[in-house]
Amino acid sequence: MERRGCFWRFPVVQMVEDAYHAALTFGDSLLLLDRYFLTVPALDKLRVLNRDGDVRMEIITKAKKSCAAYEKPGPRKPGRGRPPKKGAAVHLKELFLSHREKFQEAGIELYGKKESIRYHCVDLLWGQKLYQEPRFVLVEMDGIQSILASTSLELEPLSIIRLYSYRFRIECTFRELKQQTCEESAMELRLL
């Protein structure tokens, strides 16, 4: 992988950079990413771009089930040494059981139909040595558990869930466009 500046050129970092350059044209933006895009290099790059740039971009993605985050550090202990950057580790998958009573029920339109879901929102620190504070939304729907993450702490949990569902519509639209384009190209070739 190519090294430019202090960032390795991971594909997800390139995707964040490209999306941010598009956001310079369109204004403040949300980037909806598939699972496995919650990475330290991507969030670090986003932090730098948002800090130094003219627009603000936020990411909504799905976290791995094995994702661990950290509580905020407690008060500084008297004495020598640096203050802690993070608190106790939290395994997000375990919150589905340990915080079961904190889950809220809601009806929401997802994928074109009304769905009944249960969700719980928690803001924790995430990222080895980055310790950025994303908003995690734990969602249960039809027995399926998902963990969504948003870099925006201002978005409401139901908005994060609804926005992430748009990713599926976008993928379907791209697939249809690709099929139509390929069919039109094939027809043009047959006419030649």
Protein backbone atom coordinates (compact mmCIF):
# COMPACT_ATOMS: atom_id res chain seq x y z
CA MET A 1 0.00 0.00 0.00
CA GLU A 2 1.18 3.47 -0.85
CA ARG A 3 2.14 5.77 2.00
CA ARG A 4 1.26 9.45 1.61
CA GLY A 5 1.74 11.79 4.56
CA CYS A 6 0.95 9.98 7.76
CA PHE A 7 -1.87 7.81 6.34
CA TRP A 8 -1.50 4.46 4.69
CA ARG A 9 -3.60 4.39 1.56
CA PHE A 10 -6.24 1.92 2.72
CA PRO A 11 -9.17 1.69 0.29
CA VAL A 12 -11.55 2.95 2.99
CA VAL A 13 -9.32 5.99 3.61
CA GLN A 14 -9.38 6.68 -0.12
CA MET A 15 -13.17 6.35 -0.07
CA VAL A 16 -13.43 8.84 2.80
CA GLU A 17 -11.14 11.28 0.96
CA ASP A 18 -13.12 10.96 -2.28
CA ALA A 19 -16.44 11.41 -0.48
CA TYR A 20 -15.09 14.46 1.33
CA HIS A 21 -13.97 16.01 -1.96
CA ALA A 22 -17.53 15.47 -3.27
CA ALA A 23 -18.87 17.06 -0.07
CA LEU A 24 -16.85 20.18 -0.89
CA THR A 25 -19.21 20.59 -3.87
CA PHE A 26 -22.46 19.51 -2.19
CA GLY A 27 -21.95 20.83 1.35
CA ASP A 28 -22.25 19.03 4.68
CA SER A 29 -22.78 15.33 3.99
CA LEU A 30 -23.40 11.87 5.40
CA LEU A 31 -21.38 8.93 4.09
CA LEU A 32 -23.23 5.60 4.39
CA LEU A 33 -20.76 2.72 4.47
CA ASP A 34 -21.19 -1.03 4.62
CA ARG A 35 -19.93 -3.17 7.47
CA TYR A 36 -16.18 -3.42 8.14
CA PHE A 37 -15.61 0.26 7.28
CA LEU A 38 -15.41 1.28 10.92
CA THR A 39 -11.61 1.54 11.01
CA VAL A 40 -9.15 3.72 12.88
CA PRO A 41 -7.44 5.01 9.69
CA ALA A 42 -10.83 6.01 8.20
CA LEU A 43 -12.04 7.82 11.32
CA ASP A 44 -8.68 9.47 11.83
CA LYS A 45 -8.71 10.74 8.25
CA LEU A 46 -12.28 11.97 8.67
CA ARG A 47 -11.31 13.79 11.87
CA VAL A 48 -8.43 15.56 10.07
CA LEU A 49 -10.59 16.48 7.06
CA ASN A 50 -13.40 17.83 9.24
CA ARG A 51 -10.95 19.79 11.40
CA ASP A 52 -9.11 21.39 8.48
CA GLY A 53 -11.90 21.64 5.89
CA ASP A 54 -14.75 23.93 4.96
CA VAL A 55 -17.54 21.35 5.22
CA ARG A 56 -18.49 18.67 7.71
CA MET A 57 -18.94 15.04 6.76
CA GLU A 58 -20.21 12.29 9.06
CA ILE A 59 -20.13 8.51 8.64
CA ILE A 60 -22.84 5.97 9.39
CA THR A 61 -21.75 2.35 9.18
CA LYS A 62 -22.34 -1.07 10.67
CA ALA A 63 -19.92 -2.30 13.32
CA LYS A 64 -18.69 -5.86 13.67
CA LYS A 65 -20.46 -7.94 16.33
CA SER A 66 -17.08 -8.39 18.05
CA CYS A 67 -16.64 -4.61 18.32
CA ALA A 68 -15.33 -3.32 21.64
CA ALA A 69 -15.54 0.26 22.84
CA TYR A 70 -14.59 2.06 26.03
CA GLU A 71 -16.40 4.05 28.66
CA LYS A 72 -15.24 7.60 29.21
CA PRO A 73 -12.42 7.83 31.75
CA GLY A 74 -13.30 8.57 35.34
CA PRO A 75 -11.96 11.52 37.26
CA ARG A 76 -8.23 11.90 37.39
CA LYS A 77 -6.62 10.16 40.36
CA PRO A 78 -4.37 12.27 42.53
CA GLY A 79 -0.67 11.74 42.13
CA ARG A 80 1.76 11.43 39.30
CA GLY A 81 1.19 10.09 35.83
CA ARG A 82 -0.87 11.06 32.85
CA PRO A 83 -4.65 11.00 33.04
CA PRO A 84 -6.35 7.96 31.49
CA LYS A 85 -7.62 8.33 27.90
CA LYS A 86 -10.29 5.66 28.25
CA GLY A 87 -12.34 3.85 30.83
CA ALA A 88 -13.40 0.22 31.10
CA ALA A 89 -13.81 -1.90 27.97
CA VAL A 90 -17.37 -2.54 26.75
CA HIS A 91 -18.10 -5.46 24.42
CA LEU A 92 -21.03 -4.12 22.44
CA LYS A 93 -22.54 -7.54 21.67
CA GLU A 94 -22.94 -8.14 25.42
CA LEU A 95 -25.10 -5.01 25.76
CA PHE A 96 -27.93 -6.83 23.97
CA LEU A 97 -28.29 -8.90 27.17
CA SER A 98 -26.92 -6.69 29.94
CA HIS A 99 -28.89 -3.58 28.85
CA ARG A 100 -32.00 -5.42 27.67
CA GLU A 101 -34.26 -3.31 29.92
CA LYS A 102 -32.90 -0.09 28.38
CA PHE A 103 -33.97 -1.03 24.83
CA GLN A 104 -36.85 1.00 23.41
CA GLU A 105 -39.50 -0.29 21.02
CA ALA A 106 -40.44 1.65 17.92
CA GLY A 107 -42.16 1.29 14.58
CA ILE A 108 -40.11 2.56 11.65
CA GLU A 109 -40.30 2.31 7.88
CA LEU A 110 -37.35 0.27 6.63
CA TYR A 111 -36.85 -1.11 3.14
CA GLY A 112 -40.26 0.15 2.07
CA LYS A 113 -42.37 -1.41 4.82
CA LYS A 114 -43.27 -0.72 8.45
CA GLU A 115 -41.07 -2.71 10.84
CA SER A 116 -41.15 -3.17 14.60
CA ILE A 117 -37.71 -2.81 16.15
CA ARG A 118 -36.01 -2.58 19.52
CA TYR A 119 -33.02 -0.29 19.91
CA HIS A 120 -30.59 1.14 22.46
CA CYS A 121 -28.23 4.06 21.94
CA VAL A 122 -24.93 4.54 23.72
CA ASP A 123 -22.06 7.00 23.17
CA LEU A 124 -18.70 5.38 23.90
CA LEU A 125 -15.05 5.88 23.00
CA TRP A 126 -13.76 3.75 20.12
CA GLY A 127 -10.53 3.12 18.24
CA GLN A 128 -7.19 1.95 19.56
CA LYS A 129 -5.19 5.09 20.42
CA LEU A 130 -7.83 7.24 18.66
CA TYR A 131 -10.60 7.09 21.27
CA GLN A 132 -13.08 9.05 19.21
CA GLU A 133 -16.65 9.15 20.52
CA PRO A 134 -19.09 7.65 18.01
CA ARG A 135 -22.74 6.97 18.74
CA PHE A 136 -23.53 3.25 18.74
CA VAL A 137 -27.10 2.10 18.09
CA LEU A 138 -27.85 -1.52 18.94
CA VAL A 139 -30.83 -2.75 16.91
CA GLU A 140 -32.96 -5.91 17.14
CA MET A 141 -35.38 -6.67 14.30
CA ASP A 142 -37.02 -10.05 13.73
CA GLY A 143 -34.46 -11.73 15.99
CA ILE A 144 -31.51 -10.22 14.08
CA GLN A 145 -29.08 -8.06 16.03
CA SER A 146 -27.06 -5.27 14.44
CA ILE A 147 -24.72 -2.61 15.76
CA LEU A 148 -24.69 0.68 13.86
CA ALA A 149 -22.16 3.45 14.43
CA SER A 150 -22.35 7.15 13.61
CA THR A 151 -19.64 9.77 13.96
CA SER A 152 -22.40 12.33 14.58
CA LEU A 153 -23.57 12.56 18.16
CA GLU A 154 -26.37 14.88 17.04
CA LEU A 155 -28.29 12.29 15.01
CA GLU A 156 -31.15 10.57 16.80
CA PRO A 157 -30.98 6.75 16.99
CA LEU A 158 -34.04 6.23 14.75
CA SER A 159 -32.54 8.58 12.15
CA ILE A 160 -29.32 6.56 12.15
CA ILE A 161 -31.28 3.33 11.63
CA ARG A 162 -33.39 4.83 8.83
CA LEU A 163 -30.40 6.42 7.10
CA TYR A 164 -28.39 3.19 7.18
CA SER A 165 -31.32 1.38 5.53
CA TYR A 166 -30.98 3.73 2.53
CA ARG A 167 -27.65 2.06 1.75
CA PHE A 168 -29.57 -1.01 0.54
CA ARG A 169 -31.72 1.12 -1.82
CA ILE A 170 -28.63 2.82 -3.20
CA GLU A 171 -26.95 -0.54 -3.88
CA CYS A 172 -30.07 -1.81 -5.69
CA THR A 173 -30.18 1.34 -7.81
CA PHE A 174 -26.51 0.95 -8.80
CA ARG A 175 -27.08 -2.72 -9.66
CA GLU A 176 -30.06 -1.83 -11.88
CA LEU A 177 -28.11 0.95 -13.61
CA LYS A 178 -25.21 -1.42 -14.20
CA GLN A 179 -27.52 -4.05 -15.72
CA GLN A 180 -29.22 -1.48 -17.97
CA THR A 181 -25.88 -0.06 -19.10
CA CYS A 182 -24.54 -3.53 -19.90
CA GLU A 183 -27.70 -4.44 -21.81
CA GLU A 184 -27.55 -1.22 -23.85
CA SER A 185 -23.86 -1.80 -24.63
CA ALA A 186 -24.60 -5.36 -25.72
CA MET A 187 -27.40 -4.14 -28.03
CA GLU A 188 -25.08 -1.55 -29.59
CA LEU A 189 -22.44 -4.23 -30.22
CA ARG A 190 -25.02 -6.46 -31.93
CA LEU A 191 -26.02 -3.61 -34.22
CA LEU A 192 -22.42 -3.15 -35.36
